[in-house]
Amino acid sequence: MTVREMIHEIQVEVRESDLQPDRAAELLNRLTALLGNVNDEIRQADMAYAVKLLQCLDAEEKANRAKIMAETTPEYSRKREARDVKELATEMVRSLKYYLKAKQDEYYASTRM
């Protein structure tokens, strides 16, 4: 299973289930651990795209054409997908943190009564 698939699996669970705080904390830990792997993929994808862009620049006279050509390649697609996965994971981390904070506040409010 790829990192992308693991993150998508977490996304589906968060979206489609009645999440309990313990499970939310577990998913939060898993997501933050996966972010390191996503950063590695971004680094590799950026390098592969830079190589492809350089090849396109060597093949074309105009830089804007070379850039457009490079942005139609699988290397660019991989780079964008890696960044999109990171953005998704980051937003889910923020969402889970907010959810856990709200549950904590709710718990403290109920114990004070």
N, C-alpha and C. Protein backbone atom coordinates (compact mmCIF):
# COMPACT_ATOMS: atom_id res chain seq x y z
N MET A 1 0.85 -1.18 0.00
CA MET A 1 0.00 0.00 0.00
C MET A 1 0.89 1.24 0.00
N THR A 2 0.57 2.18 -0.87
CA THR A 2 1.38 3.40 -0.97
C THR A 2 0.99 4.40 0.12
N VAL A 3 1.85 5.37 0.35
CA VAL A 3 1.57 6.43 1.31
C VAL A 3 0.30 7.17 0.90
N ARG A 4 0.18 7.42 -0.39
CA ARG A 4 -1.00 8.11 -0.92
C ARG A 4 -2.27 7.34 -0.58
N GLU A 5 -2.23 6.03 -0.75
CA GLU A 5 -3.39 5.19 -0.43
C GLU A 5 -3.69 5.19 1.07
N MET A 6 -2.64 5.18 1.89
CA MET A 6 -2.85 5.22 3.35
C MET A 6 -3.52 6.53 3.76
N ILE A 7 -3.08 7.62 3.18
CA ILE A 7 -3.67 8.92 3.50
C ILE A 7 -5.11 8.98 3.02
N HIS A 8 -5.37 8.44 1.84
CA HIS A 8 -6.74 8.41 1.33
C HIS A 8 -7.64 7.55 2.23
N GLU A 9 -7.11 6.45 2.72
CA GLU A 9 -7.85 5.58 3.64
C GLU A 9 -8.25 6.35 4.91
N ILE A 10 -7.32 7.12 5.44
CA ILE A 10 -7.59 7.93 6.63
C ILE A 10 -8.65 8.97 6.30
N GLN A 11 -8.54 9.59 5.14
CA GLN A 11 -9.51 10.60 4.72
C GLN A 11 -10.92 10.01 4.69
N VAL A 12 -11.05 8.83 4.12
CA VAL A 12 -12.37 8.18 4.04
C VAL A 12 -12.90 7.88 5.43
N GLU A 13 -12.05 7.37 6.30
CA GLU A 13 -12.49 7.06 7.66
C GLU A 13 -12.94 8.31 8.41
N VAL A 14 -12.19 9.37 8.29
CA VAL A 14 -12.54 10.63 8.97
C VAL A 14 -13.87 11.15 8.43
N ARG A 15 -14.05 11.06 7.13
CA ARG A 15 -15.25 11.60 6.51
C ARG A 15 -16.49 10.76 6.76
N GLU A 16 -16.33 9.44 6.81
CA GLU A 16 -17.49 8.57 6.81
C GLU A 16 -17.79 7.87 8.13
N SER A 17 -17.09 8.20 9.19
CA SER A 17 -17.37 7.50 10.44
C SER A 17 -17.60 8.49 11.58
N ASP A 18 -18.21 7.99 12.62
CA ASP A 18 -18.40 8.76 13.85
C ASP A 18 -17.12 8.58 14.66
N LEU A 19 -16.20 9.48 14.49
CA LEU A 19 -14.87 9.35 15.05
C LEU A 19 -14.85 9.56 16.55
N GLN A 20 -14.27 8.63 17.26
CA GLN A 20 -14.08 8.77 18.70
C GLN A 20 -12.72 9.44 18.94
N PRO A 21 -12.59 10.16 20.05
CA PRO A 21 -11.33 10.89 20.31
C PRO A 21 -10.08 10.01 20.29
N ASP A 22 -10.16 8.80 20.84
CA ASP A 22 -8.99 7.91 20.82
C ASP A 22 -8.57 7.58 19.40
N ARG A 23 -9.55 7.28 18.56
CA ARG A 23 -9.25 6.94 17.17
C ARG A 23 -8.74 8.18 16.41
N ALA A 24 -9.30 9.33 16.71
CA ALA A 24 -8.84 10.56 16.07
C ALA A 24 -7.37 10.83 16.42
N ALA A 25 -7.02 10.61 17.67
CA ALA A 25 -5.63 10.80 18.10
C ALA A 25 -4.70 9.82 17.39
N GLU A 26 -5.17 8.60 17.24
CA GLU A 26 -4.38 7.58 16.54
C GLU A 26 -4.17 7.96 15.07
N LEU A 27 -5.23 8.42 14.43
CA LEU A 27 -5.12 8.84 13.03
C LEU A 27 -4.23 10.07 12.88
N LEU A 28 -4.31 10.97 13.85
CA LEU A 28 -3.45 12.16 13.84
C LEU A 28 -1.98 11.75 13.90
N ASN A 29 -1.66 10.83 14.80
CA ASN A 29 -0.27 10.35 14.90
C ASN A 29 0.19 9.69 13.61
N ARG A 30 -0.68 8.90 13.03
CA ARG A 30 -0.34 8.22 11.78
C ARG A 30 -0.11 9.22 10.64
N LEU A 31 -0.98 10.21 10.56
CA LEU A 31 -0.83 11.23 9.51
C LEU A 31 0.46 12.02 9.65
N THR A 32 0.79 12.40 10.86
CA THR A 32 2.02 13.19 11.05
C THR A 32 3.24 12.35 10.72
N ALA A 33 3.19 11.06 11.00
CA ALA A 33 4.29 10.18 10.63
C ALA A 33 4.40 10.06 9.11
N LEU A 34 3.26 9.98 8.44
CA LEU A 34 3.26 9.85 6.99
C LEU A 34 3.73 11.12 6.28
N LEU A 35 3.61 12.27 6.95
CA LEU A 35 4.06 13.52 6.32
C LEU A 35 5.55 13.48 5.99
N GLY A 36 6.33 12.79 6.79
CA GLY A 36 7.76 12.65 6.48
C GLY A 36 7.97 11.92 5.17
N ASN A 37 7.19 10.86 4.95
CA ASN A 37 7.27 10.13 3.69
C ASN A 37 6.82 11.00 2.52
N VAL A 38 5.81 11.80 2.73
CA VAL A 38 5.32 12.70 1.68
C VAL A 38 6.40 13.72 1.33
N ASN A 39 7.08 14.23 2.34
CA ASN A 39 8.16 15.19 2.07
C ASN A 39 9.28 14.55 1.25
N ASP A 40 9.59 13.29 1.54
CA ASP A 40 10.61 12.58 0.75
C ASP A 40 10.17 12.45 -0.71
N GLU A 41 8.90 12.11 -0.92
CA GLU A 41 8.37 11.98 -2.28
C GLU A 41 8.42 13.33 -3.01
N ILE A 42 8.08 14.39 -2.31
CA ILE A 42 8.13 15.73 -2.91
C ILE A 42 9.55 16.06 -3.35
N ARG A 43 10.50 15.76 -2.51
CA ARG A 43 11.90 16.04 -2.83
C ARG A 43 12.33 15.27 -4.09
N GLN A 44 11.98 13.99 -4.15
CA GLN A 44 12.34 13.17 -5.31
C GLN A 44 11.60 13.64 -6.57
N ALA A 45 10.33 13.95 -6.42
CA ALA A 45 9.53 14.41 -7.57
C ALA A 45 10.03 15.75 -8.08
N ASP A 46 10.40 16.64 -7.18
CA ASP A 46 10.94 17.94 -7.60
C ASP A 46 12.23 17.77 -8.40
N MET A 47 13.06 16.85 -7.96
CA MET A 47 14.32 16.61 -8.67
C MET A 47 14.06 16.01 -10.05
N ALA A 48 13.15 15.05 -10.14
CA ALA A 48 12.83 14.44 -11.43
C ALA A 48 12.25 15.49 -12.39
N TYR A 49 11.41 16.36 -11.86
CA TYR A 49 10.84 17.42 -12.71
C TYR A 49 11.91 18.41 -13.15
N ALA A 50 12.82 18.75 -12.27
CA ALA A 50 13.89 19.69 -12.62
C ALA A 50 14.74 19.13 -13.76
N VAL A 51 15.03 17.83 -13.71
CA VAL A 51 15.79 17.19 -14.78
C VAL A 51 15.01 17.27 -16.10
N LYS A 52 13.71 16.97 -16.04
CA LYS A 52 12.87 17.02 -17.24
C LYS A 52 12.79 18.45 -17.79
N LEU A 53 12.62 19.43 -16.90
CA LEU A 53 12.56 20.82 -17.33
C LEU A 53 13.86 21.24 -18.01
N LEU A 54 14.96 20.81 -17.46
CA LEU A 54 16.26 21.12 -18.07
C LEU A 54 16.36 20.51 -19.47
N GLN A 55 15.87 19.28 -19.63
CA GLN A 55 15.86 18.65 -20.95
C GLN A 55 14.99 19.44 -21.92
N CYS A 56 13.85 19.89 -21.45
CA CYS A 56 12.96 20.68 -22.30
C CYS A 56 13.58 22.02 -22.67
N LEU A 57 14.27 22.64 -21.73
CA LEU A 57 14.93 23.91 -22.01
C LEU A 57 16.04 23.73 -23.05
N ASP A 58 16.72 22.60 -22.99
CA ASP A 58 17.76 22.32 -23.98
C ASP A 58 17.17 22.08 -25.37
N ALA A 59 15.94 21.52 -25.41
CA ALA A 59 15.32 21.16 -26.68
C ALA A 59 14.57 22.32 -27.33
N GLU A 60 14.16 23.30 -26.56
CA GLU A 60 13.36 24.41 -27.08
C GLU A 60 14.16 25.71 -27.06
N GLU A 61 13.83 26.58 -28.00
CA GLU A 61 14.49 27.88 -28.05
C GLU A 61 13.91 28.85 -27.04
N LYS A 62 12.61 28.74 -26.79
CA LYS A 62 11.94 29.67 -25.90
C LYS A 62 11.63 29.00 -24.56
N ALA A 63 11.97 29.69 -23.48
CA ALA A 63 11.80 29.13 -22.14
C ALA A 63 10.34 28.87 -21.80
N ASN A 64 9.45 29.77 -22.22
CA ASN A 64 8.04 29.58 -21.88
C ASN A 64 7.47 28.32 -22.54
N ARG A 65 7.90 28.04 -23.78
CA ARG A 65 7.47 26.81 -24.46
C ARG A 65 8.03 25.59 -23.75
N ALA A 66 9.27 25.68 -23.35
CA ALA A 66 9.91 24.57 -22.65
C ALA A 66 9.18 24.27 -21.33
N LYS A 67 8.81 25.32 -20.64
CA LYS A 67 8.11 25.14 -19.37
C LYS A 67 6.74 24.50 -19.59
N ILE A 68 6.03 24.96 -20.59
CA ILE A 68 4.72 24.38 -20.91
C ILE A 68 4.88 22.92 -21.29
N MET A 69 5.89 22.63 -22.08
CA MET A 69 6.15 21.25 -22.48
C MET A 69 6.47 20.39 -21.26
N ALA A 70 7.28 20.90 -20.36
CA ALA A 70 7.66 20.15 -19.17
C ALA A 70 6.45 19.91 -18.26
N GLU A 71 5.51 20.84 -18.25
CA GLU A 71 4.33 20.71 -17.39
C GLU A 71 3.30 19.72 -17.94
N THR A 72 3.57 19.14 -19.08
CA THR A 72 2.68 18.12 -19.63
C THR A 72 3.26 16.71 -19.45
N THR A 73 4.33 16.60 -18.71
CA THR A 73 5.02 15.32 -18.55
C THR A 73 4.58 14.59 -17.27
N PRO A 74 4.84 13.30 -17.21
CA PRO A 74 4.56 12.53 -15.99
C PRO A 74 5.34 13.05 -14.77
N GLU A 75 6.52 13.59 -15.01
CA GLU A 75 7.32 14.12 -13.90
C GLU A 75 6.61 15.28 -13.22
N TYR A 76 6.02 16.14 -14.03
CA TYR A 76 5.28 17.27 -13.45
C TYR A 76 4.04 16.77 -12.72
N SER A 77 3.37 15.82 -13.33
CA SER A 77 2.17 15.24 -12.70
C SER A 77 2.51 14.64 -11.34
N ARG A 78 3.62 13.91 -11.27
CA ARG A 78 4.07 13.32 -10.00
C ARG A 78 4.36 14.41 -8.97
N LYS A 79 5.01 15.46 -9.42
CA LYS A 79 5.34 16.58 -8.51
C LYS A 79 4.06 17.20 -7.95
N ARG A 80 3.08 17.47 -8.82
CA ARG A 80 1.82 18.07 -8.37
C ARG A 80 1.05 17.15 -7.43
N GLU A 81 1.02 15.88 -7.79
CA GLU A 81 0.29 14.92 -6.96
C GLU A 81 0.91 14.83 -5.57
N ALA A 82 2.23 14.82 -5.49
CA ALA A 82 2.91 14.76 -4.19
C ALA A 82 2.56 15.99 -3.35
N ARG A 83 2.56 17.15 -3.97
CA ARG A 83 2.22 18.37 -3.23
C ARG A 83 0.75 18.38 -2.81
N ASP A 84 -0.12 17.87 -3.66
CA ASP A 84 -1.54 17.80 -3.31
C ASP A 84 -1.79 16.84 -2.15
N VAL A 85 -1.06 15.73 -2.13
CA VAL A 85 -1.18 14.77 -1.03
C VAL A 85 -0.71 15.42 0.27
N LYS A 86 0.36 16.18 0.19
CA LYS A 86 0.85 16.86 1.40
C LYS A 86 -0.17 17.87 1.90
N GLU A 87 -0.77 18.61 0.99
CA GLU A 87 -1.77 19.59 1.39
C GLU A 87 -2.97 18.90 2.04
N LEU A 88 -3.41 17.79 1.47
CA LEU A 88 -4.51 17.03 2.05
C LEU A 88 -4.15 16.53 3.45
N ALA A 89 -2.98 15.95 3.59
CA ALA A 89 -2.56 15.43 4.89
C ALA A 89 -2.45 16.55 5.92
N THR A 90 -1.90 17.68 5.51
CA THR A 90 -1.75 18.82 6.42
C THR A 90 -3.11 19.34 6.88
N GLU A 91 -4.05 19.44 5.96
CA GLU A 91 -5.39 19.91 6.32
C GLU A 91 -6.10 18.91 7.24
N MET A 92 -5.89 17.62 7.01
CA MET A 92 -6.50 16.63 7.90
C MET A 92 -5.87 16.67 9.28
N VAL A 93 -4.57 16.93 9.36
CA VAL A 93 -3.90 17.09 10.66
C VAL A 93 -4.53 18.26 11.40
N ARG A 94 -4.70 19.37 10.72
CA ARG A 94 -5.31 20.54 11.35
C ARG A 94 -6.73 20.24 11.81
N SER A 95 -7.49 19.56 10.97
CA SER A 95 -8.86 19.22 11.29
C SER A 95 -8.94 18.30 12.51
N LEU A 96 -8.09 17.29 12.54
CA LEU A 96 -8.10 16.37 13.68
C LEU A 96 -7.66 17.07 14.97
N LYS A 97 -6.71 17.96 14.87
CA LYS A 97 -6.29 18.72 16.06
C LYS A 97 -7.45 19.57 16.58
N TYR A 98 -8.16 20.22 15.67
CA TYR A 98 -9.31 21.04 16.06
C TYR A 98 -10.40 20.17 16.69
N TYR A 99 -10.65 19.02 16.08
CA TYR A 99 -11.66 18.09 16.60
C TYR A 99 -11.30 17.64 18.02
N LEU A 100 -10.04 17.27 18.22
CA LEU A 100 -9.61 16.81 19.55
C LEU A 100 -9.68 17.93 20.58
N LYS A 101 -9.34 19.13 20.17
CA LYS A 101 -9.42 20.29 21.08
C LYS A 101 -10.88 20.55 21.47
N ALA A 102 -11.78 20.47 20.50
CA ALA A 102 -13.20 20.67 20.78
C ALA A 102 -13.73 19.60 21.72
N LYS A 103 -13.31 18.35 21.50
CA LYS A 103 -13.74 17.26 22.39
C LYS A 103 -13.19 17.45 23.79
N GLN A 104 -11.96 17.93 23.89
CA GLN A 104 -11.36 18.18 25.20
C GLN A 104 -12.13 19.30 25.92
N ASP A 105 -12.43 20.37 25.21
CA ASP A 105 -13.20 21.46 25.80
C ASP A 105 -14.58 20.99 26.23
N GLU A 106 -15.19 20.17 25.42
CA GLU A 106 -16.51 19.61 25.74
C GLU A 106 -16.44 18.75 27.00
N TYR A 107 -15.39 17.96 27.12
CA TYR A 107 -15.22 17.10 28.29
C TYR A 107 -15.04 17.95 29.55
N TYR A 108 -14.17 18.97 29.48
CA TYR A 108 -13.95 19.81 30.65
C TYR A 108 -15.20 20.59 31.04
N ALA A 109 -15.96 21.02 30.06
CA ALA A 109 -17.20 21.74 30.35
C ALA A 109 -18.21 20.83 31.05
N SER A 110 -18.26 19.58 30.65
CA SER A 110 -19.22 18.64 31.25
C SER A 110 -18.81 18.22 32.66
N THR A 111 -17.52 18.24 32.97
CA THR A 111 -17.05 17.82 34.30
C THR A 111 -17.19 18.95 35.31
N ARG A 112 -17.31 20.18 34.85
CA ARG A 112 -17.43 21.31 35.76
C ARG A 112 -18.84 21.52 36.27
N MET A 113 -19.80 20.89 35.63
CA MET A 113 -21.21 21.09 36.02
C MET A 113 -21.58 20.27 37.20
